Amino acid sequence: MPYVTSVERIGYQRGRQEEAGALVQRQLRRRFGPLAQETEDQIVALPLERVEALGEDLLDFNSLVDLDAWLRRH
C-alpha cells in the first residue's frame, strides 16, 4: 500500500466532496430546473456526509420547497 501524505488525503477528501456536490446539483437541476445561486452555495458548503445524505433524500422531494426545508434543517 503506497504511503499517502496528509496533504494528499485532504486533497482526496476535498475532491470527493466537490464531485458529490456537483452530482447532487446536477440531479436537482434535472428534476426541478435551475437552482438559485444561494441554494448552490449552500450545497457546496455542506460536509461530504451531508451531501451524501442529500443525494439520497432528494429522491423523496416533490419540489424545491422540500430542498429548502432540508437545507434549513441541516
C-alpha atoms as a PDB file:
ATOM      1  CA  MET A   1       0.000   0.000   0.000  1.00  0.00           C
ATOM      2  CA  PRO A   2       1.566   3.325  -1.026  1.00  0.00           C
ATOM      3  CA  TYR A   3       2.220   5.996   1.539  1.00  0.00           C
ATOM      4  CA  VAL A   4      -0.366   8.802   1.450  1.00  0.00           C
ATOM      5  CA  THR A   5       0.522  12.133   2.989  1.00  0.00           C
ATOM      6  CA  SER A   6      -1.956  14.167   4.984  1.00  0.00           C
ATOM      7  CA  VAL A   7      -1.992  16.766   2.197  1.00  0.00           C
ATOM      8  CA  GLU A   8      -2.902  14.089  -0.335  1.00  0.00           C
ATOM      9  CA  ARG A   9      -5.602  12.764   1.969  1.00  0.00           C
ATOM     10  CA  ILE A  10      -7.080  16.259   2.377  1.00  0.00           C
ATOM     11  CA  GLY A  11      -6.981  16.769  -1.394  1.00  0.00           C
ATOM     12  CA  TYR A  12      -8.685  13.449  -1.977  1.00  0.00           C
ATOM     13  CA  GLN A  13     -11.398  14.281   0.572  1.00  0.00           C
ATOM     14  CA  ARG A  14     -11.952  17.727  -0.944  1.00  0.00           C
ATOM     15  CA  GLY A  15     -12.210  16.193  -4.413  1.00  0.00           C
ATOM     16  CA  ARG A  16     -14.805  13.685  -3.237  1.00  0.00           C
ATOM     17  CA  GLN A  17     -16.812  16.470  -1.612  1.00  0.00           C
ATOM     18  CA  GLU A  18     -16.724  18.638  -4.740  1.00  0.00           C
ATOM     19  CA  GLU A  19     -17.738  15.758  -7.001  1.00  0.00           C
ATOM     20  CA  ALA A  20     -20.577  14.689  -4.696  1.00  0.00           C
ATOM     21  CA  GLY A  21     -21.858  18.271  -4.531  1.00  0.00           C
ATOM     22  CA  ALA A  22     -21.689  18.627  -8.312  1.00  0.00           C
ATOM     23  CA  LEU A  23     -23.600  15.370  -8.800  1.00  0.00           C
ATOM     24  CA  VAL A  24     -26.336  16.372  -6.362  1.00  0.00           C
ATOM     25  CA  GLN A  25     -26.675  19.767  -8.041  1.00  0.00           C
ATOM     26  CA  ARG A  26     -26.994  18.131 -11.485  1.00  0.00           C
ATOM     27  CA  GLN A  27     -29.655  15.764 -10.156  1.00  0.00           C
ATOM     28  CA  LEU A  28     -31.604  18.625  -8.598  1.00  0.00           C
ATOM     29  CA  ARG A  29     -31.376  20.762 -11.764  1.00  0.00           C
ATOM     30  CA  ARG A  30     -32.540  17.877 -13.911  1.00  0.00           C
ATOM     31  CA  ARG A  31     -35.508  17.249 -11.645  1.00  0.00           C
ATOM     32  CA  PHE A  32     -36.539  20.818 -10.738  1.00  0.00           C
ATOM     33  CA  GLY A  33     -34.796  23.134 -13.193  1.00  0.00           C
ATOM     34  CA  PRO A  34     -32.295  25.880 -12.409  1.00  0.00           C
ATOM     35  CA  LEU A  35     -31.250  26.374  -8.798  1.00  0.00           C
ATOM     36  CA  ALA A  36     -30.773  29.730  -7.127  1.00  0.00           C
ATOM     37  CA  GLN A  37     -27.128  30.661  -6.594  1.00  0.00           C
ATOM     38  CA  GLU A  38     -27.769  30.802  -2.851  1.00  0.00           C
ATOM     39  CA  THR A  39     -29.025  27.210  -2.925  1.00  0.00           C
ATOM     40  CA  GLU A  40     -25.992  26.044  -4.890  1.00  0.00           C
ATOM     41  CA  ASP A  41     -23.716  27.831  -2.412  1.00  0.00           C
ATOM     42  CA  GLN A  42     -25.441  26.082   0.495  1.00  0.00           C
ATOM     43  CA  ILE A  43     -24.943  22.688  -1.127  1.00  0.00           C
ATOM     44  CA  VAL A  44     -21.263  23.374  -1.828  1.00  0.00           C
ATOM     45  CA  ALA A  45     -20.743  24.350   1.819  1.00  0.00           C
ATOM     46  CA  LEU A  46     -22.141  21.052   3.147  1.00  0.00           C
ATOM     47  CA  PRO A  47     -19.726  18.473   4.521  1.00  0.00           C
ATOM     48  CA  LEU A  48     -19.418  15.269   2.488  1.00  0.00           C
ATOM     49  CA  GLU A  49     -21.644  13.262   4.828  1.00  0.00           C
ATOM     50  CA  ARG A  50     -24.492  15.776   4.432  1.00  0.00           C
ATOM     51  CA  VAL A  51     -24.082  15.915   0.645  1.00  0.00           C
ATOM     52  CA  GLU A  52     -24.361  12.141   0.532  1.00  0.00           C
ATOM     53  CA  ALA A  53     -27.484  12.275   2.718  1.00  0.00           C
ATOM     54  CA  LEU A  54     -28.955  14.952   0.437  1.00  0.00           C
ATOM     55  CA  GLY A  55     -28.258  12.708  -2.556  1.00  0.00           C
ATOM     56  CA  GLU A  56     -30.481  10.053  -1.020  1.00  0.00           C
ATOM     57  CA  ASP A  57     -33.125  12.352   0.447  1.00  0.00           C
ATOM     58  CA  LEU A  58     -33.674  14.299  -2.780  1.00  0.00           C
ATOM     59  CA  LEU A  59     -35.361  11.210  -4.193  1.00  0.00           C
ATOM     60  CA  ASP A  60     -38.287  11.988  -1.874  1.00  0.00           C
ATOM     61  CA  PHE A  61     -38.528  15.703  -2.744  1.00  0.00           C
ATOM     62  CA  ASN A  62     -41.580  16.900  -4.642  1.00  0.00           C
ATOM     63  CA  SER A  63     -40.379  20.456  -5.208  1.00  0.00           C
ATOM     64  CA  LEU A  64     -37.644  22.948  -4.393  1.00  0.00           C
ATOM     65  CA  VAL A  65     -39.638  23.792  -1.268  1.00  0.00           C
ATOM     66  CA  ASP A  66     -38.648  20.361   0.066  1.00  0.00           C
ATOM     67  CA  LEU A  67     -34.994  21.111  -0.736  1.00  0.00           C
ATOM     68  CA  ASP A  68     -35.160  24.462   1.047  1.00  0.00           C
ATOM     69  CA  ALA A  69     -36.689  22.806   4.118  1.00  0.00           C
ATOM     70  CA  TRP A  70     -33.984  20.118   4.077  1.00  0.00           C
ATOM     71  CA  LEU A  71     -31.218  22.721   3.867  1.00  0.00           C
ATOM     72  CA  ARG A  72     -32.717  24.669   6.801  1.00  0.00           C
ATOM     73  CA  ARG A  73     -32.742  21.505   8.931  1.00  0.00           C
ATOM     74  CA  HIS A  74     -29.180  20.555   8.037  1.00  0.00           C
END
